[in-house]
């Protein structure tokens, strides 16, 4: 009876060890695939950056078209994307579904912390790489015509802040645009919003709600804002559908001395 009990205990211990070993091996394989995916993402970022700079886009819209062209021919494989999203389920690094955030602050904070890389492309255009397949194309500055020249239609200097979130499998997650001009130097600064809109993403699931735009005053500054709740989601390479919702704002500020800021993207 004792021998039988000892044999049962030894068998149980051996089975438990096999299960633990198998689990550890699977975790190790998953980690290796994730690290390989990160290397592929970094390589893709470097190649895309060189391609974008060589193309010399005149404006943000043209930069986005060039990005779409590049990733239509150089998509990351489903295996790479699957290995990444199996471990990291967030579409925007550091942002959880349900979070509310200002896009300028979010980008600037991560660039300052060396989590993201910001690269000047020319004509005021920036591309911001994250440590994920998501990247941003932005422009913050004086409003330009489609030719790339600064607009001269406004009676006062007109500013615009536009950003797109895109993904390396060739899809746009969202775009939010905001433009305004300001009058300052009197009793208090005043903002006139000239345009504000969003463009839907190209993902399989996409929705915008509670879209608001306009002007307001905050701490003695005139503010032009655009904001809303955005939901996006997709499934690639056989992994489960990733769907997230965020409240995103885009703001341009001006104080009574005429200093304009884009929440971190300062002129």
Protein backbone atom coordinates (compact mmCIF):
# COMPACT_ATOMS: atom_id res chain seq x y z
CA UNK A 1 0.00 0.00 0.00
CA UNK A 2 2.86 2.35 0.91
CA UNK A 3 4.68 1.56 -2.35
CA UNK A 4 1.52 2.29 -4.30
CA UNK A 5 1.07 5.66 -2.54
CA UNK A 6 4.70 6.61 -3.19
CA UNK A 7 4.32 5.63 -6.86
CA UNK A 8 1.16 7.77 -7.11
CA UNK A 9 2.91 10.78 -5.56
CA UNK A 10 5.94 10.39 -7.86
CA UNK A 11 3.66 10.11 -10.91
CA UNK A 12 1.78 13.24 -9.88
CA UNK A 13 5.01 15.18 -9.36
CA UNK A 14 6.32 14.07 -12.75
CA UNK A 15 3.06 15.06 -14.48
CA UNK A 16 3.07 18.44 -12.72
CA UNK A 17 6.68 19.03 -13.79
CA UNK A 18 5.84 18.22 -17.40
CA UNK A 19 2.89 20.63 -17.35
CA UNK A 20 5.00 23.40 -15.82
CA UNK A 21 7.82 22.75 -18.29
CA UNK A 22 5.38 22.83 -21.21
CA UNK A 23 3.84 26.07 -19.98
CA UNK A 24 7.26 27.68 -19.53
CA UNK A 25 8.31 26.53 -22.98
CA UNK A 26 5.17 28.02 -24.55
CA UNK A 27 5.74 31.31 -22.71
CA UNK A 28 9.37 31.36 -23.86
CA UNK A 29 8.31 30.76 -27.47
CA UNK A 30 5.72 33.54 -27.21
CA UNK A 31 8.34 35.95 -25.81
CA UNK A 32 10.78 35.07 -28.59
CA UNK A 33 8.13 35.68 -31.26
CA UNK A 34 7.28 39.02 -29.63
CA UNK A 35 10.94 40.12 -29.60
CA UNK A 36 11.27 39.10 -33.25
CA UNK A 37 8.12 41.11 -34.06
CA UNK A 38 9.59 44.21 -32.37
CA UNK A 39 12.73 43.85 -34.52
CA UNK A 40 10.59 43.64 -37.67
CA UNK A 41 8.63 46.73 -36.59
CA UNK A 42 11.86 48.71 -36.02
CA UNK A 43 13.24 47.63 -39.41
CA UNK A 44 10.00 48.67 -41.08
CA UNK A 45 10.10 52.07 -39.36
CA UNK A 46 13.63 52.74 -40.59
CA UNK A 47 12.81 51.78 -44.20
CA UNK A 48 9.58 53.77 -44.22
CA UNK A 49 11.27 56.88 -42.78
CA UNK A 50 13.89 56.85 -45.54
CA UNK A 51 11.17 56.36 -48.17
CA UNK A 52 9.05 59.22 -46.79
CA UNK A 53 11.97 61.67 -46.62
CA UNK A 54 13.00 60.84 -50.18
CA UNK A 55 9.44 61.46 -51.36
CA UNK A 56 9.49 64.97 -49.77
CA UNK A 57 5.73 65.47 -49.21
CA UNK A 58 4.44 69.05 -49.44
CA UNK A 59 1.77 68.62 -46.79
CA UNK A 60 0.31 66.16 -44.29
CA UNK A 61 -2.28 64.83 -46.74
CA UNK A 62 0.42 63.96 -49.26
CA UNK A 63 2.51 62.33 -46.52
CA UNK A 64 -0.44 60.10 -45.64
CA UNK A 65 -0.87 59.07 -49.29
CA UNK A 66 2.83 58.20 -49.52
CA UNK A 67 2.52 56.12 -46.34
CA UNK A 68 -0.44 54.23 -47.79
CA UNK A 69 1.55 53.61 -50.96
CA UNK A 70 4.56 52.31 -49.02
CA UNK A 71 2.62 49.93 -46.78
CA UNK A 72 0.49 48.61 -49.63
CA UNK A 73 3.75 47.15 -50.96
CA UNK A 74 5.56 46.54 -47.65
CA UNK A 75 2.97 45.30 -45.18
CA UNK A 76 4.09 43.53 -42.06
CA UNK A 77 3.13 39.87 -42.21
CA UNK A 78 0.15 38.51 -40.30
CA UNK A 79 2.56 36.34 -38.29
CA UNK A 80 4.49 39.41 -37.11
CA UNK A 81 1.32 41.32 -36.24
CA UNK A 82 -0.18 38.30 -34.53
CA UNK A 83 2.97 37.79 -32.41
CA UNK A 84 2.89 41.44 -31.35
CA UNK A 85 -0.83 41.72 -30.53
CA UNK A 86 -0.90 38.37 -28.75
CA UNK A 87 1.28 39.99 -26.06
CA UNK A 88 0.31 43.68 -26.36
CA UNK A 89 -3.42 44.17 -26.83
CA UNK A 90 -3.45 48.00 -26.93
CA UNK A 91 -3.70 49.80 -30.27
CA UNK A 92 -2.20 52.98 -28.75
CA UNK A 93 0.75 52.22 -26.42
CA UNK A 94 0.00 53.22 -22.84
CA UNK A 95 -3.66 53.98 -23.58
CA UNK A 96 -6.42 51.64 -22.42
CA UNK A 97 -9.89 51.33 -23.88
CA UNK A 98 -12.09 53.93 -22.20
CA UNK A 99 -9.25 56.42 -21.58
CA UNK A 100 -9.67 60.14 -22.25
CA UNK A 101 -6.60 62.01 -23.51
CA UNK A 102 -5.33 64.98 -25.49
CA UNK A 103 -3.40 63.79 -28.52
CA UNK A 104 -0.75 66.53 -28.36
CA UNK A 105 0.00 65.87 -24.69
CA UNK A 106 0.06 62.11 -25.28
CA UNK A 107 2.57 62.32 -28.11
CA UNK A 108 4.78 64.96 -26.46
CA UNK A 109 4.92 63.06 -23.16
CA UNK A 110 6.02 59.83 -24.84
CA UNK A 111 8.56 61.58 -27.09
CA UNK A 112 10.07 63.34 -24.05
CA UNK A 113 10.29 60.00 -22.24
CA UNK A 114 12.01 58.39 -25.27
CA UNK A 115 9.09 55.96 -25.64
CA UNK A 116 8.24 57.39 -29.08
CA UNK A 117 10.53 58.76 -31.81
CA UNK A 118 9.60 62.00 -33.59
CA UNK A 119 11.17 62.72 -36.99
CA UNK A 120 10.99 65.95 -38.99
CA UNK A 121 10.10 65.20 -42.61
CA UNK A 122 10.10 68.79 -43.87
CA UNK A 123 7.40 71.44 -44.46
CA UNK A 124 6.38 71.16 -40.79
CA UNK A 125 5.40 67.49 -41.15
CA UNK A 126 6.40 64.97 -38.48
CA UNK A 127 6.16 61.21 -38.31
CA UNK A 128 6.03 59.75 -34.80
CA UNK A 129 6.96 56.11 -34.34
CA UNK A 130 5.75 54.18 -31.32
CA UNK A 131 7.05 50.83 -30.04
CA UNK A 132 4.12 49.18 -31.84
CA UNK A 133 2.72 48.89 -35.39
CA UNK A 134 0.86 52.20 -34.82
CA UNK A 135 2.46 55.48 -35.94
CA UNK A 136 1.33 59.10 -36.32
CA UNK A 137 1.65 61.70 -39.07
CA UNK A 138 1.17 65.25 -37.76
CA UNK A 139 1.33 68.89 -38.73
CA UNK A 140 1.14 71.75 -36.22
CA UNK A 141 1.76 75.30 -37.40
CA UNK A 142 0.58 78.02 -39.75
CA UNK A 143 -2.17 76.88 -42.07
CA UNK A 144 -0.98 75.92 -45.53
CA UNK A 145 -2.59 75.67 -48.93
CA UNK A 146 -2.50 72.34 -50.77
CA UNK A 147 0.62 73.53 -52.59
CA UNK A 148 2.44 73.58 -49.26
CA UNK A 149 2.60 77.39 -49.13
CA UNK A 150 1.37 79.26 -46.04
CA UNK A 151 -2.22 80.43 -46.52
CA UNK A 152 -2.67 84.21 -46.88
CA UNK A 153 -6.48 84.31 -46.88
CA UNK A 154 -6.95 84.86 -43.16
CA UNK A 155 -6.90 88.44 -41.82
CA UNK A 156 -4.85 87.11 -38.91
CA UNK A 157 -2.36 84.26 -38.89
CA UNK A 158 -4.30 81.02 -39.12
CA UNK A 159 -3.03 77.88 -37.40
CA UNK A 160 -3.89 74.23 -37.89
CA UNK A 161 -3.25 71.06 -35.94
CA UNK A 162 -3.85 67.76 -37.68
CA UNK A 163 -2.90 64.23 -36.77
CA UNK A 164 -3.53 60.75 -38.11
CA UNK A 165 -3.02 57.44 -36.41
CA UNK A 166 -2.08 54.74 -38.91
CA UNK A 167 -1.00 51.13 -38.74
CA UNK A 168 1.69 49.15 -40.53
CA UNK A 169 -0.78 46.82 -42.18
CA UNK A 170 -1.89 49.81 -44.25
CA UNK A 171 -4.99 51.00 -42.39
CA UNK A 172 -5.82 54.41 -40.97
CA UNK A 173 -7.15 54.28 -37.39
CA UNK A 174 -8.44 57.88 -37.28
CA UNK A 175 -7.71 61.51 -38.18
CA UNK A 176 -8.74 64.67 -36.31
CA UNK A 177 -8.24 68.18 -37.74
CA UNK A 178 -8.57 71.61 -36.11
CA UNK A 179 -7.78 75.13 -37.38
CA UNK A 180 -8.28 78.64 -35.98
CA UNK A 181 -6.99 82.18 -35.83
CA UNK A 182 -6.68 84.40 -32.76
CA UNK A 183 -7.01 88.05 -31.80
CA UNK A 184 -5.00 89.13 -28.77
CA UNK A 185 -3.45 92.12 -27.00
CA UNK A 186 -6.69 93.66 -25.73
CA UNK A 187 -8.61 92.74 -22.62
CA UNK A 188 -8.35 89.01 -23.39
CA UNK A 189 -7.49 86.76 -26.35
CA UNK A 190 -10.26 85.53 -28.64
CA UNK A 191 -10.37 82.45 -30.88
CA UNK A 192 -12.23 81.96 -34.16
CA UNK A 193 -12.36 78.36 -35.31
CA UNK A 194 -12.16 78.09 -39.09
CA UNK A 195 -12.53 74.32 -39.47
CA UNK A 196 -12.68 71.11 -37.43
CA UNK A 197 -13.48 67.59 -38.53
CA UNK A 198 -12.59 63.93 -38.17
CA UNK A 199 -12.08 61.25 -40.78
CA UNK A 200 -13.13 57.70 -40.06
CA UNK A 201 -10.65 54.89 -39.95
CA UNK A 202 -10.42 52.04 -42.42
CA UNK A 203 -10.71 49.30 -39.80
CA UNK A 204 -13.50 46.71 -39.82
CA UNK A 205 -15.13 48.29 -36.75
CA UNK A 206 -15.25 52.08 -36.48
CA UNK A 207 -17.55 54.61 -34.83
CA UNK A 208 -17.50 58.26 -33.69
CA UNK A 209 -19.86 59.68 -31.06
CA UNK A 210 -20.32 62.91 -29.07
CA UNK A 211 -18.35 64.94 -31.63
CA UNK A 212 -17.92 68.53 -30.45
CA UNK A 213 -16.03 71.53 -31.79
CA UNK A 214 -15.82 75.21 -30.96
CA UNK A 215 -13.95 77.73 -28.83
CA UNK A 216 -13.59 78.32 -25.10
CA UNK A 217 -11.44 80.13 -22.55
CA UNK A 218 -9.10 78.23 -20.23
CA UNK A 219 -6.82 79.90 -17.66
CA UNK A 220 -6.70 83.20 -19.56
CA UNK A 221 -6.09 81.51 -22.93
CA UNK A 222 -8.33 81.33 -25.98
CA UNK A 223 -8.82 77.75 -27.12
CA UNK A 224 -10.14 76.18 -30.32
CA UNK A 225 -11.04 72.55 -29.73
CA UNK A 226 -12.29 69.42 -31.49
CA UNK A 227 -13.12 66.27 -29.55
CA UNK A 228 -15.14 63.09 -29.58
CA UNK A 229 -15.42 59.43 -28.63
CA UNK A 230 -13.82 57.12 -31.18
CA UNK A 231 -14.18 53.35 -31.39
CA UNK A 232 -12.00 51.23 -33.66
CA UNK A 233 -11.28 47.54 -33.97
CA UNK A 234 -9.86 44.88 -36.26
CA UNK A 235 -8.67 41.29 -36.43
CA UNK A 236 -5.49 40.24 -38.24
CA UNK A 237 -3.67 36.95 -38.59
CA UNK A 238 -6.21 34.85 -36.74
CA UNK A 239 -5.93 36.56 -33.34
CA UNK A 240 -9.07 37.76 -31.59
CA UNK A 241 -10.76 41.03 -32.51
CA UNK A 242 -9.15 44.00 -30.75
CA UNK A 243 -11.67 46.79 -30.15
CA UNK A 244 -11.05 49.95 -28.14
CA UNK A 245 -12.84 53.22 -27.43
CA UNK A 246 -11.16 56.51 -26.49
CA UNK A 247 -12.18 60.11 -25.86
CA UNK A 248 -9.69 62.16 -27.89
CA UNK A 249 -9.27 65.94 -27.97
CA UNK A 250 -7.34 68.24 -30.30
CA UNK A 251 -6.74 71.78 -28.97
CA UNK A 252 -4.97 74.94 -30.12
CA UNK A 253 -4.24 77.53 -27.39
CA UNK A 254 -3.27 81.21 -27.58
CA UNK A 255 -2.41 83.57 -24.72
CA UNK A 256 -2.86 87.35 -24.73
CA UNK A 257 0.70 87.86 -25.98
CA UNK A 258 -0.02 85.86 -29.11
CA UNK A 259 1.92 82.73 -28.13
CA UNK A 260 0.25 79.72 -29.73
CA UNK A 261 0.64 76.17 -28.44
CA UNK A 262 -0.59 72.78 -29.52
CA UNK A 263 -0.19 71.11 -26.14
CA UNK A 264 3.49 70.41 -26.43
CA UNK A 265 3.89 71.17 -30.15
CA UNK A 266 4.86 74.79 -29.53
CA UNK A 267 5.80 77.37 -32.17
